[in-house]
Amino acid sequence: MPAPEVMPIVEKMPEPMSATEEMPAVEKAPEPMLTAEDIWGPLSATAKGAVAVFEILCDCAGKFRFHLKATNGQIIAVSQSYLTRQSAEKGIASVKKNAPMAKVVDQTVTAT
């Protein structure tokens, strides 16, 4: 029995853009999240002299988060989102309480 004949799929190449045609608009980049200084003004001398600073932020969804910033301004930890500012403050208190005792568990190493 002969094999059935298969027709190849041929797609037409898209037409090149004309010189007068405009490129589609690129969506605007999202607004950056506000920092503590944006919300409450300049940080106090105590906060600026601290080893690290917690910043409470309100994200674009209206929820609260906090960042932990090192003295060089780099964000070294980012929280989950919280429904209230008080919940974010409790999260900060929990990190302050538990971080000094925290152990490092390397889950990138496979058991042999």
N, C-alpha and C. Protein backbone atom coordinates (compact mmCIF):
# COMPACT_ATOMS: atom_id res chain seq x y z
N MET A 1 0.84 -1.17 0.00
CA MET A 1 0.00 0.00 0.00
C MET A 1 0.89 1.24 0.00
N PRO A 2 0.70 2.17 -0.93
CA PRO A 2 1.55 3.36 -0.99
C PRO A 2 1.23 4.33 0.16
N ALA A 3 2.27 5.06 0.58
CA ALA A 3 2.10 6.06 1.66
C ALA A 3 1.26 7.22 1.15
N PRO A 4 0.40 7.77 2.03
CA PRO A 4 -0.40 8.91 1.58
C PRO A 4 0.48 10.12 1.32
N GLU A 5 0.05 10.92 0.37
CA GLU A 5 0.82 12.11 0.01
C GLU A 5 0.56 13.20 1.06
N VAL A 6 1.63 13.82 1.56
CA VAL A 6 1.52 14.85 2.58
C VAL A 6 1.89 16.18 1.95
N MET A 7 1.02 17.15 2.11
CA MET A 7 1.29 18.47 1.56
C MET A 7 2.10 19.28 2.57
N PRO A 8 3.17 19.92 2.18
CA PRO A 8 3.95 20.73 3.12
C PRO A 8 3.18 21.99 3.52
N ILE A 9 3.44 22.44 4.76
CA ILE A 9 2.83 23.68 5.25
C ILE A 9 3.74 24.82 4.83
N VAL A 10 3.20 25.76 4.12
CA VAL A 10 3.97 26.91 3.66
C VAL A 10 3.38 28.16 4.30
N GLU A 11 4.21 28.86 5.05
CA GLU A 11 3.76 30.12 5.66
C GLU A 11 4.36 31.27 4.89
N LYS A 12 3.57 32.29 4.75
CA LYS A 12 4.03 33.49 4.05
C LYS A 12 4.84 34.35 5.03
N MET A 13 5.96 34.85 4.58
CA MET A 13 6.78 35.75 5.40
C MET A 13 6.01 37.04 5.64
N PRO A 14 6.14 37.64 6.84
CA PRO A 14 5.46 38.91 7.08
C PRO A 14 6.07 40.01 6.20
N GLU A 15 5.23 40.95 5.86
CA GLU A 15 5.69 42.07 5.05
C GLU A 15 6.60 42.96 5.89
N PRO A 16 7.68 43.49 5.31
CA PRO A 16 8.54 44.40 6.08
C PRO A 16 7.80 45.70 6.38
N MET A 17 8.18 46.35 7.48
CA MET A 17 7.56 47.63 7.84
C MET A 17 8.03 48.70 6.86
N SER A 18 7.12 49.57 6.51
CA SER A 18 7.51 50.67 5.64
C SER A 18 8.26 51.70 6.47
N ALA A 19 8.99 52.57 5.81
CA ALA A 19 9.79 53.58 6.50
C ALA A 19 8.91 54.57 7.27
N THR A 20 7.67 54.76 6.83
CA THR A 20 6.79 55.73 7.48
C THR A 20 5.97 55.10 8.61
N GLU A 21 5.96 53.78 8.69
CA GLU A 21 5.18 53.11 9.72
C GLU A 21 5.86 53.25 11.08
N GLU A 22 5.08 53.54 12.11
CA GLU A 22 5.63 53.74 13.45
C GLU A 22 5.70 52.43 14.21
N MET A 23 6.69 52.33 15.05
CA MET A 23 6.81 51.17 15.93
C MET A 23 5.71 51.24 16.97
N PRO A 24 5.21 50.10 17.43
CA PRO A 24 4.18 50.13 18.48
C PRO A 24 4.74 50.75 19.75
N ALA A 25 3.87 51.41 20.50
CA ALA A 25 4.29 52.07 21.73
C ALA A 25 4.69 51.03 22.78
N VAL A 26 5.72 51.35 23.53
CA VAL A 26 6.17 50.49 24.61
C VAL A 26 5.45 50.90 25.88
N GLU A 27 4.99 49.91 26.66
CA GLU A 27 4.29 50.24 27.88
C GLU A 27 5.21 50.99 28.84
N LYS A 28 4.63 51.89 29.60
CA LYS A 28 5.38 52.68 30.56
C LYS A 28 5.87 51.77 31.68
N ALA A 29 7.08 52.00 32.14
CA ALA A 29 7.63 51.23 33.25
C ALA A 29 6.82 51.51 34.52
N PRO A 30 6.69 50.50 35.39
CA PRO A 30 5.92 50.72 36.60
C PRO A 30 6.57 51.77 37.49
N GLU A 31 5.73 52.46 38.26
CA GLU A 31 6.24 53.47 39.18
C GLU A 31 7.05 52.78 40.28
N PRO A 32 8.17 53.36 40.71
CA PRO A 32 8.92 52.75 41.80
C PRO A 32 8.15 52.85 43.11
N MET A 33 8.39 51.89 44.00
CA MET A 33 7.72 51.91 45.30
C MET A 33 8.28 53.05 46.14
N LEU A 34 7.44 53.62 46.97
CA LEU A 34 7.86 54.72 47.84
C LEU A 34 8.75 54.20 48.95
N THR A 35 9.74 55.00 49.34
CA THR A 35 10.60 54.66 50.46
C THR A 35 10.06 55.31 51.72
N ALA A 36 10.64 54.95 52.85
CA ALA A 36 10.25 55.55 54.12
C ALA A 36 10.45 57.06 54.08
N GLU A 37 11.53 57.51 53.47
CA GLU A 37 11.79 58.95 53.39
C GLU A 37 10.74 59.65 52.53
N ASP A 38 10.25 58.98 51.48
CA ASP A 38 9.20 59.56 50.66
C ASP A 38 7.92 59.76 51.47
N ILE A 39 7.62 58.82 52.35
CA ILE A 39 6.38 58.85 53.11
C ILE A 39 6.47 59.75 54.34
N TRP A 40 7.52 59.56 55.14
CA TRP A 40 7.60 60.26 56.43
C TRP A 40 8.67 61.34 56.49
N GLY A 41 9.35 61.61 55.38
CA GLY A 41 10.37 62.65 55.39
C GLY A 41 11.74 62.06 55.67
N PRO A 42 12.76 62.92 55.84
CA PRO A 42 14.13 62.44 56.04
C PRO A 42 14.24 61.56 57.29
N LEU A 43 15.11 60.55 57.18
CA LEU A 43 15.35 59.67 58.31
C LEU A 43 16.05 60.41 59.44
N SER A 44 15.77 60.01 60.66
CA SER A 44 16.42 60.63 61.81
C SER A 44 17.90 60.24 61.83
N ALA A 45 18.68 60.99 62.61
CA ALA A 45 20.11 60.68 62.74
C ALA A 45 20.31 59.29 63.30
N THR A 46 19.41 58.86 64.18
CA THR A 46 19.50 57.52 64.76
C THR A 46 19.32 56.47 63.68
N ALA A 47 18.33 56.66 62.81
CA ALA A 47 18.09 55.70 61.74
C ALA A 47 19.23 55.70 60.73
N LYS A 48 19.77 56.89 60.42
CA LYS A 48 20.86 56.96 59.45
C LYS A 48 22.13 56.34 60.00
N GLY A 49 22.34 56.41 61.31
CA GLY A 49 23.54 55.86 61.92
C GLY A 49 23.41 54.38 62.25
N ALA A 50 22.26 53.79 62.00
CA ALA A 50 22.03 52.40 62.34
C ALA A 50 22.81 51.48 61.41
N VAL A 51 23.01 50.26 61.87
CA VAL A 51 23.69 49.26 61.06
C VAL A 51 22.85 48.93 59.83
N ALA A 52 21.56 48.83 60.02
CA ALA A 52 20.64 48.57 58.91
C ALA A 52 19.35 49.33 59.19
N VAL A 53 18.53 49.50 58.15
CA VAL A 53 17.29 50.25 58.30
C VAL A 53 16.15 49.43 57.71
N PHE A 54 15.04 49.33 58.44
CA PHE A 54 13.82 48.75 57.90
C PHE A 54 13.00 49.88 57.30
N GLU A 55 12.54 49.72 56.07
CA GLU A 55 11.67 50.68 55.42
C GLU A 55 10.32 50.03 55.20
N ILE A 56 9.25 50.68 55.64
CA ILE A 56 7.90 50.20 55.39
C ILE A 56 7.39 50.92 54.16
N LEU A 57 6.85 50.14 53.22
CA LEU A 57 6.40 50.68 51.95
C LEU A 57 4.96 50.29 51.68
N CYS A 58 4.28 51.09 50.88
CA CYS A 58 2.94 50.74 50.41
C CYS A 58 3.09 50.43 48.93
N ASP A 59 2.75 49.21 48.52
CA ASP A 59 2.95 48.83 47.13
C ASP A 59 1.78 49.27 46.25
N CYS A 60 1.87 48.98 44.97
CA CYS A 60 0.84 49.45 44.02
C CYS A 60 -0.52 48.80 44.25
N ALA A 61 -0.56 47.69 45.00
CA ALA A 61 -1.82 47.02 45.31
C ALA A 61 -2.41 47.54 46.62
N GLY A 62 -1.76 48.54 47.24
CA GLY A 62 -2.25 49.10 48.49
C GLY A 62 -1.90 48.26 49.71
N LYS A 63 -0.99 47.30 49.54
CA LYS A 63 -0.56 46.47 50.67
C LYS A 63 0.78 46.97 51.17
N PHE A 64 1.14 46.55 52.37
CA PHE A 64 2.37 47.02 53.01
C PHE A 64 3.45 45.95 52.93
N ARG A 65 4.67 46.39 52.74
CA ARG A 65 5.85 45.54 52.71
C ARG A 65 6.96 46.26 53.47
N PHE A 66 7.98 45.50 53.80
CA PHE A 66 9.16 46.18 54.33
C PHE A 66 10.41 45.66 53.65
N HIS A 67 11.38 46.54 53.56
CA HIS A 67 12.71 46.20 53.07
C HIS A 67 13.68 46.35 54.22
N LEU A 68 14.68 45.54 54.25
CA LEU A 68 15.80 45.71 55.17
C LEU A 68 16.97 46.18 54.33
N LYS A 69 17.44 47.39 54.63
CA LYS A 69 18.54 47.98 53.87
C LYS A 69 19.82 47.99 54.70
N ALA A 70 20.92 47.63 54.06
CA ALA A 70 22.23 47.70 54.68
C ALA A 70 22.69 49.16 54.73
N THR A 71 23.78 49.40 55.43
CA THR A 71 24.27 50.78 55.56
C THR A 71 24.67 51.40 54.23
N ASN A 72 24.99 50.56 53.23
CA ASN A 72 25.35 51.10 51.91
C ASN A 72 24.12 51.37 51.04
N GLY A 73 22.91 51.18 51.60
CA GLY A 73 21.68 51.46 50.87
C GLY A 73 21.15 50.28 50.07
N GLN A 74 21.88 49.18 50.03
CA GLN A 74 21.43 48.01 49.28
C GLN A 74 20.32 47.28 50.04
N ILE A 75 19.27 46.88 49.34
CA ILE A 75 18.20 46.10 49.95
C ILE A 75 18.72 44.67 50.13
N ILE A 76 18.69 44.19 51.37
CA ILE A 76 19.20 42.85 51.64
C ILE A 76 18.09 41.87 52.02
N ALA A 77 16.89 42.36 52.25
CA ALA A 77 15.74 41.49 52.51
C ALA A 77 14.46 42.22 52.13
N VAL A 78 13.50 41.45 51.60
CA VAL A 78 12.20 41.99 51.20
C VAL A 78 11.13 41.12 51.83
N SER A 79 10.13 41.74 52.42
CA SER A 79 9.08 40.98 53.10
C SER A 79 7.99 40.53 52.15
N GLN A 80 7.10 39.73 52.68
CA GLN A 80 5.85 39.41 52.00
C GLN A 80 4.97 40.65 52.06
N SER A 81 3.80 40.60 51.46
CA SER A 81 2.89 41.74 51.57
C SER A 81 1.96 41.53 52.76
N TYR A 82 1.61 42.63 53.41
CA TYR A 82 0.73 42.61 54.58
C TYR A 82 -0.47 43.50 54.29
N LEU A 83 -1.60 43.16 54.87
CA LEU A 83 -2.81 43.96 54.66
C LEU A 83 -2.76 45.29 55.41
N THR A 84 -2.09 45.33 56.56
CA THR A 84 -2.04 46.55 57.36
C THR A 84 -0.61 46.93 57.70
N ARG A 85 -0.43 48.20 58.01
CA ARG A 85 0.89 48.69 58.42
C ARG A 85 1.31 48.02 59.73
N GLN A 86 0.36 47.82 60.64
CA GLN A 86 0.65 47.18 61.92
C GLN A 86 1.16 45.75 61.72
N SER A 87 0.62 45.04 60.74
CA SER A 87 1.10 43.69 60.45
C SER A 87 2.54 43.73 59.93
N ALA A 88 2.85 44.71 59.11
CA ALA A 88 4.22 44.86 58.61
C ALA A 88 5.17 45.16 59.77
N GLU A 89 4.73 45.99 60.71
CA GLU A 89 5.54 46.30 61.89
C GLU A 89 5.77 45.05 62.74
N LYS A 90 4.76 44.18 62.84
CA LYS A 90 4.93 42.92 63.57
C LYS A 90 5.92 42.02 62.85
N GLY A 91 5.90 42.05 61.52
CA GLY A 91 6.87 41.28 60.74
C GLY A 91 8.29 41.76 61.00
N ILE A 92 8.47 43.07 61.08
CA ILE A 92 9.78 43.64 61.39
C ILE A 92 10.23 43.19 62.78
N ALA A 93 9.31 43.25 63.75
CA ALA A 93 9.64 42.83 65.11
C ALA A 93 10.05 41.36 65.14
N SER A 94 9.38 40.54 64.36
CA SER A 94 9.71 39.12 64.30
C SER A 94 11.10 38.90 63.72
N VAL A 95 11.45 39.64 62.66
CA VAL A 95 12.79 39.51 62.08
C VAL A 95 13.84 39.95 63.09
N LYS A 96 13.60 41.08 63.77
CA LYS A 96 14.55 41.57 64.77
C LYS A 96 14.76 40.54 65.88
N LYS A 97 13.66 39.89 66.29
CA LYS A 97 13.72 38.93 67.39
C LYS A 97 14.42 37.63 66.96
N ASN A 98 14.10 37.12 65.78
CA ASN A 98 14.54 35.79 65.38
C ASN A 98 15.81 35.75 64.54
N ALA A 99 16.16 36.82 63.87
CA ALA A 99 17.32 36.78 62.97
C ALA A 99 18.64 36.50 63.67
N PRO A 100 18.92 37.06 64.85
CA PRO A 100 20.21 36.77 65.47
C PRO A 100 20.42 35.29 65.76
N MET A 101 19.34 34.54 65.95
CA MET A 101 19.44 33.12 66.26
C MET A 101 19.28 32.23 65.04
N ALA A 102 19.01 32.83 63.91
CA ALA A 102 18.71 32.03 62.72
C ALA A 102 19.92 31.24 62.25
N LYS A 103 19.67 30.00 61.88
CA LYS A 103 20.71 29.13 61.33
C LYS A 103 20.61 29.18 59.81
N VAL A 104 21.68 28.89 59.13
CA VAL A 104 21.70 28.83 57.67
C VAL A 104 21.54 27.38 57.26
N VAL A 105 20.56 27.11 56.42
CA VAL A 105 20.33 25.78 55.89
C VAL A 105 20.53 25.86 54.39
N ASP A 106 21.60 25.24 53.91
CA ASP A 106 21.93 25.26 52.48
C ASP A 106 21.16 24.14 51.78
N GLN A 107 20.12 24.52 51.04
CA GLN A 107 19.31 23.53 50.34
C GLN A 107 19.76 23.34 48.89
N THR A 108 20.89 23.94 48.55
CA THR A 108 21.40 23.79 47.19
C THR A 108 22.30 22.58 47.07
N VAL A 109 22.73 22.03 48.21
CA VAL A 109 23.64 20.88 48.22
C VAL A 109 22.80 19.62 48.27
N THR A 110 23.07 18.70 47.35
CA THR A 110 22.33 17.45 47.34
C THR A 110 23.01 16.44 48.24
N ALA A 111 22.21 15.62 48.89
CA ALA A 111 22.77 14.59 49.78
C ALA A 111 23.43 13.51 48.94
N THR A 112 24.57 13.01 49.42
CA THR A 112 25.27 11.94 48.69
C THR A 112 25.23 10.65 49.46
